[in-house]
Amino acid sequence: MANIEICVYGADVVCASCVNLPSAKDTFEWLQSALTRRFPNESINIRYIDINVPQSEEQKQIMCEKILNDEHFYPLVTVEDEVVDEGNPSLKKIITSLESYGYQQG
């Protein structure tokens, strides 16, 4: 099975409409831990992408610009560059997305 890339986009500053929610970095760490527990036999490739840092990959830069232009909320989670959830990401939605790629929970 191919190694699926999960990205969590965010910034050090909490999004204005997400004041009472965990930061993007906290969401990344929580998601990394939760997915490793849910999929112990699968290789999980999860990256944190700071929207304020220029990206060398065009697709990642485009997504950062969309977030900065208020087209999306952060933290934003993508699986294989497709938006899965944003703002307060749902573990269930992310798991469903991974399962659609053939990942199996342990």
N, C-alpha and C. Protein backbone atom coordinates (compact mmCIF):
# COMPACT_ATOMS: atom_id res chain seq x y z
N MET A 1 0.84 -1.18 0.00
CA MET A 1 0.00 0.00 0.00
C MET A 1 0.89 1.25 0.00
N ALA A 2 0.47 2.22 -0.77
CA ALA A 2 1.22 3.48 -0.84
C ALA A 2 1.14 4.21 0.50
N ASN A 3 2.15 5.01 0.77
CA ASN A 3 2.17 5.80 1.99
C ASN A 3 1.35 7.07 1.75
N ILE A 4 0.22 7.17 2.39
CA ILE A 4 -0.69 8.30 2.23
C ILE A 4 -0.18 9.49 3.04
N GLU A 5 -0.24 10.70 2.45
CA GLU A 5 0.21 11.90 3.16
C GLU A 5 -0.97 12.65 3.75
N ILE A 6 -0.88 12.89 5.05
CA ILE A 6 -1.86 13.68 5.77
C ILE A 6 -1.16 14.98 6.16
N CYS A 7 -1.81 16.11 5.89
CA CYS A 7 -1.21 17.39 6.27
C CYS A 7 -2.17 18.15 7.18
N VAL A 8 -1.59 18.77 8.18
CA VAL A 8 -2.34 19.67 9.07
C VAL A 8 -1.76 21.05 8.84
N TYR A 9 -2.58 21.94 8.29
CA TYR A 9 -2.16 23.31 8.02
C TYR A 9 -2.57 24.19 9.20
N GLY A 10 -1.69 25.11 9.58
CA GLY A 10 -2.03 25.99 10.67
C GLY A 10 -1.00 27.08 10.86
N ALA A 11 -1.13 27.77 11.99
CA ALA A 11 -0.22 28.87 12.33
C ALA A 11 -0.07 28.90 13.84
N ASP A 12 0.95 29.63 14.29
CA ASP A 12 1.18 29.74 15.73
C ASP A 12 0.04 30.49 16.41
N VAL A 13 -0.54 31.43 15.71
CA VAL A 13 -1.65 32.22 16.26
C VAL A 13 -2.95 31.45 16.02
N VAL A 14 -3.77 31.33 17.06
CA VAL A 14 -5.05 30.64 16.93
C VAL A 14 -5.98 31.45 16.04
N CYS A 15 -6.65 30.79 15.14
CA CYS A 15 -7.61 31.42 14.23
C CYS A 15 -8.68 32.16 15.04
N ALA A 16 -9.07 33.34 14.59
CA ALA A 16 -10.00 34.20 15.33
C ALA A 16 -11.31 33.51 15.68
N SER A 17 -11.83 32.69 14.79
CA SER A 17 -13.10 32.02 15.08
C SER A 17 -12.90 30.69 15.81
N CYS A 18 -11.64 30.38 16.15
CA CYS A 18 -11.33 29.10 16.82
C CYS A 18 -10.71 29.34 18.19
N VAL A 19 -11.02 30.47 18.81
CA VAL A 19 -10.36 30.88 20.05
C VAL A 19 -10.46 29.82 21.16
N ASN A 20 -11.58 29.15 21.30
CA ASN A 20 -11.74 28.18 22.38
C ASN A 20 -11.33 26.76 21.99
N LEU A 21 -10.74 26.60 20.81
CA LEU A 21 -10.33 25.29 20.32
C LEU A 21 -8.82 25.12 20.45
N PRO A 22 -8.34 23.88 20.36
CA PRO A 22 -6.88 23.67 20.41
C PRO A 22 -6.18 24.36 19.24
N SER A 23 -4.91 24.68 19.43
CA SER A 23 -4.14 25.30 18.35
C SER A 23 -3.92 24.28 17.24
N ALA A 24 -3.48 24.76 16.10
CA ALA A 24 -3.20 23.86 14.97
C ALA A 24 -2.09 22.88 15.33
N LYS A 25 -1.08 23.35 16.04
CA LYS A 25 0.03 22.49 16.45
C LYS A 25 -0.47 21.41 17.42
N ASP A 26 -1.34 21.80 18.35
CA ASP A 26 -1.94 20.82 19.27
C ASP A 26 -2.78 19.80 18.51
N THR A 27 -3.51 20.28 17.51
CA THR A 27 -4.33 19.39 16.69
C THR A 27 -3.44 18.40 15.94
N PHE A 28 -2.33 18.88 15.40
CA PHE A 28 -1.38 18.01 14.70
C PHE A 28 -0.88 16.90 15.64
N GLU A 29 -0.45 17.29 16.84
CA GLU A 29 0.08 16.31 17.79
C GLU A 29 -0.98 15.31 18.23
N TRP A 30 -2.20 15.79 18.47
CA TRP A 30 -3.32 14.93 18.85
C TRP A 30 -3.63 13.95 17.72
N LEU A 31 -3.70 14.46 16.51
CA LEU A 31 -4.03 13.63 15.36
C LEU A 31 -2.96 12.57 15.11
N GLN A 32 -1.71 12.97 15.22
CA GLN A 32 -0.60 12.04 15.04
C GLN A 32 -0.71 10.88 16.04
N SER A 33 -0.97 11.21 17.27
CA SER A 33 -1.10 10.19 18.32
C SER A 33 -2.33 9.31 18.09
N ALA A 34 -3.47 9.94 17.79
CA ALA A 34 -4.71 9.19 17.61
C ALA A 34 -4.63 8.24 16.41
N LEU A 35 -4.06 8.71 15.30
CA LEU A 35 -3.99 7.86 14.10
C LEU A 35 -3.00 6.72 14.28
N THR A 36 -1.92 6.96 15.01
CA THR A 36 -0.94 5.90 15.28
C THR A 36 -1.59 4.80 16.13
N ARG A 37 -2.44 5.19 17.08
CA ARG A 37 -3.16 4.20 17.90
C ARG A 37 -4.21 3.46 17.08
N ARG A 38 -4.94 4.18 16.23
CA ARG A 38 -6.03 3.58 15.45
C ARG A 38 -5.51 2.67 14.33
N PHE A 39 -4.35 3.02 13.79
CA PHE A 39 -3.79 2.27 12.66
C PHE A 39 -2.37 1.79 13.01
N PRO A 40 -2.23 0.91 14.02
CA PRO A 40 -0.89 0.51 14.48
C PRO A 40 -0.08 -0.26 13.44
N ASN A 41 -0.76 -0.88 12.49
CA ASN A 41 -0.06 -1.69 11.49
C ASN A 41 0.13 -0.96 10.16
N GLU A 42 -0.19 0.32 10.14
CA GLU A 42 -0.09 1.12 8.92
C GLU A 42 0.99 2.19 9.10
N SER A 43 1.62 2.55 7.99
CA SER A 43 2.60 3.63 8.00
C SER A 43 1.84 4.95 7.84
N ILE A 44 1.94 5.81 8.83
CA ILE A 44 1.25 7.10 8.81
C ILE A 44 2.26 8.20 8.53
N ASN A 45 2.03 8.95 7.46
CA ASN A 45 2.89 10.09 7.11
C ASN A 45 2.08 11.35 7.33
N ILE A 46 2.32 12.02 8.47
CA ILE A 46 1.57 13.21 8.81
C ILE A 46 2.53 14.38 8.97
N ARG A 47 2.19 15.51 8.34
CA ARG A 47 3.05 16.70 8.36
C ARG A 47 2.28 17.90 8.89
N TYR A 48 3.02 18.75 9.60
CA TYR A 48 2.47 20.04 10.00
C TYR A 48 3.00 21.08 9.03
N ILE A 49 2.11 21.90 8.49
CA ILE A 49 2.52 22.94 7.54
C ILE A 49 2.09 24.29 8.08
N ASP A 50 3.09 25.14 8.34
CA ASP A 50 2.84 26.50 8.83
C ASP A 50 2.42 27.35 7.64
N ILE A 51 1.22 27.90 7.69
CA ILE A 51 0.69 28.66 6.55
C ILE A 51 1.44 29.97 6.31
N ASN A 52 2.24 30.40 7.28
CA ASN A 52 2.99 31.65 7.14
C ASN A 52 4.40 31.45 6.61
N VAL A 53 4.75 30.20 6.30
CA VAL A 53 6.07 29.88 5.76
C VAL A 53 5.92 29.47 4.30
N PRO A 54 6.63 30.12 3.37
CA PRO A 54 6.53 29.74 1.95
C PRO A 54 6.83 28.25 1.75
N GLN A 55 6.04 27.61 0.91
CA GLN A 55 6.17 26.18 0.65
C GLN A 55 6.81 25.94 -0.71
N SER A 56 7.67 24.94 -0.79
CA SER A 56 8.32 24.62 -2.07
C SER A 56 7.42 23.80 -2.98
N GLU A 57 6.45 23.10 -2.38
CA GLU A 57 5.52 22.31 -3.19
C GLU A 57 4.34 23.20 -3.58
N GLU A 58 4.07 23.27 -4.87
CA GLU A 58 3.05 24.19 -5.37
C GLU A 58 1.68 23.96 -4.74
N GLN A 59 1.24 22.71 -4.64
CA GLN A 59 -0.08 22.41 -4.08
C GLN A 59 -0.18 22.87 -2.62
N LYS A 60 0.90 22.71 -1.88
CA LYS A 60 0.90 23.13 -0.46
C LYS A 60 0.84 24.65 -0.37
N GLN A 61 1.58 25.35 -1.25
CA GLN A 61 1.57 26.81 -1.26
C GLN A 61 0.18 27.33 -1.63
N ILE A 62 -0.46 26.71 -2.59
CA ILE A 62 -1.82 27.12 -3.00
C ILE A 62 -2.78 26.99 -1.82
N MET A 63 -2.68 25.87 -1.09
CA MET A 63 -3.57 25.67 0.07
C MET A 63 -3.29 26.71 1.14
N CYS A 64 -2.03 27.02 1.40
CA CYS A 64 -1.69 28.05 2.38
C CYS A 64 -2.30 29.39 1.99
N GLU A 65 -2.21 29.72 0.71
CA GLU A 65 -2.77 30.99 0.23
C GLU A 65 -4.29 31.02 0.39
N LYS A 66 -4.95 29.89 0.14
CA LYS A 66 -6.41 29.83 0.32
C LYS A 66 -6.78 30.07 1.78
N ILE A 67 -6.02 29.50 2.69
CA ILE A 67 -6.29 29.70 4.11
C ILE A 67 -6.04 31.16 4.49
N LEU A 68 -4.94 31.72 4.02
CA LEU A 68 -4.61 33.11 4.32
C LEU A 68 -5.63 34.08 3.72
N ASN A 69 -6.29 33.67 2.63
CA ASN A 69 -7.32 34.49 1.99
C ASN A 69 -8.72 34.19 2.53
N ASP A 70 -8.77 33.48 3.66
CA ASP A 70 -10.02 33.15 4.35
C ASP A 70 -10.98 32.28 3.54
N GLU A 71 -10.44 31.48 2.62
CA GLU A 71 -11.27 30.52 1.90
C GLU A 71 -11.48 29.26 2.73
N HIS A 72 -10.59 29.04 3.71
CA HIS A 72 -10.69 27.90 4.62
C HIS A 72 -10.28 28.36 6.01
N PHE A 73 -10.74 27.62 7.02
CA PHE A 73 -10.30 27.84 8.40
C PHE A 73 -9.14 26.91 8.70
N TYR A 74 -8.34 27.28 9.67
CA TYR A 74 -7.30 26.36 10.14
C TYR A 74 -7.54 26.08 11.60
N PRO A 75 -7.10 24.94 12.12
CA PRO A 75 -6.34 23.92 11.39
C PRO A 75 -7.18 23.27 10.31
N LEU A 76 -6.52 23.00 9.20
CA LEU A 76 -7.15 22.34 8.06
C LEU A 76 -6.39 21.04 7.83
N VAL A 77 -7.15 19.95 7.63
CA VAL A 77 -6.53 18.64 7.43
C VAL A 77 -6.81 18.17 6.01
N THR A 78 -5.72 17.76 5.32
CA THR A 78 -5.87 17.18 3.99
C THR A 78 -5.32 15.76 4.01
N VAL A 79 -5.90 14.93 3.16
CA VAL A 79 -5.37 13.59 2.91
C VAL A 79 -5.12 13.54 1.41
N GLU A 80 -3.87 13.33 1.05
CA GLU A 80 -3.47 13.34 -0.36
C GLU A 80 -3.94 14.62 -1.06
N ASP A 81 -3.72 15.76 -0.41
CA ASP A 81 -4.04 17.10 -0.92
C ASP A 81 -5.52 17.38 -1.09
N GLU A 82 -6.40 16.53 -0.56
CA GLU A 82 -7.84 16.80 -0.59
C GLU A 82 -8.29 17.19 0.81
N VAL A 83 -9.03 18.28 0.91
CA VAL A 83 -9.51 18.76 2.20
C VAL A 83 -10.47 17.74 2.80
N VAL A 84 -10.17 17.34 4.03
CA VAL A 84 -11.02 16.40 4.75
C VAL A 84 -11.86 17.13 5.79
N ASP A 85 -11.24 18.08 6.50
CA ASP A 85 -11.96 18.84 7.52
C ASP A 85 -11.16 20.09 7.89
N GLU A 86 -11.83 21.04 8.53
CA GLU A 86 -11.16 22.29 8.91
C GLU A 86 -11.80 22.87 10.15
N GLY A 87 -11.06 23.77 10.80
CA GLY A 87 -11.56 24.43 12.01
C GLY A 87 -11.38 23.58 13.25
N ASN A 88 -12.26 22.62 13.42
CA ASN A 88 -12.18 21.67 14.54
C ASN A 88 -12.29 20.28 13.92
N PRO A 89 -11.21 19.76 13.37
CA PRO A 89 -11.26 18.52 12.59
C PRO A 89 -11.83 17.33 13.36
N SER A 90 -12.64 16.55 12.65
CA SER A 90 -13.28 15.36 13.21
C SER A 90 -12.42 14.13 12.92
N LEU A 91 -12.06 13.42 13.97
CA LEU A 91 -11.28 12.20 13.81
C LEU A 91 -12.03 11.19 12.93
N LYS A 92 -13.34 11.13 13.10
CA LYS A 92 -14.15 10.18 12.32
C LYS A 92 -14.02 10.45 10.81
N LYS A 93 -14.07 11.71 10.41
CA LYS A 93 -13.94 12.05 8.99
C LYS A 93 -12.56 11.67 8.44
N ILE A 94 -11.54 11.89 9.26
CA ILE A 94 -10.17 11.58 8.83
C ILE A 94 -9.98 10.07 8.72
N ILE A 95 -10.51 9.34 9.69
CA ILE A 95 -10.43 7.87 9.65
C ILE A 95 -11.17 7.34 8.43
N THR A 96 -12.35 7.86 8.16
CA THR A 96 -13.12 7.43 6.98
C THR A 96 -12.33 7.68 5.71
N SER A 97 -11.67 8.82 5.63
CA SER A 97 -10.85 9.13 4.46
C SER A 97 -9.71 8.12 4.30
N LEU A 98 -9.01 7.83 5.39
CA LEU A 98 -7.90 6.87 5.35
C LEU A 98 -8.40 5.47 4.96
N GLU A 99 -9.55 5.09 5.47
CA GLU A 99 -10.10 3.77 5.13
C GLU A 99 -10.45 3.68 3.64
N SER A 100 -10.81 4.82 3.05
CA SER A 100 -11.13 4.81 1.62
C SER A 100 -9.88 4.54 0.77
N TYR A 101 -8.70 4.74 1.38
CA TYR A 101 -7.42 4.43 0.71
C TYR A 101 -6.93 3.02 1.06
N GLY A 102 -7.74 2.28 1.81
CA GLY A 102 -7.37 0.91 2.15
C GLY A 102 -6.72 0.72 3.50
N TYR A 103 -6.57 1.80 4.26
CA TYR A 103 -6.01 1.66 5.62
C TYR A 103 -6.99 0.87 6.48
N GLN A 104 -6.46 0.01 7.34
CA GLN A 104 -7.30 -0.80 8.20
C GLN A 104 -6.93 -0.55 9.65
N GLN A 105 -7.96 -0.32 10.47
CA GLN A 105 -7.72 -0.10 11.89
C GLN A 105 -7.24 -1.38 12.55
N GLY A 106 -6.36 -1.25 13.54
CA GLY A 106 -5.80 -2.40 14.24
C GLY A 106 -6.59 -2.82 15.43
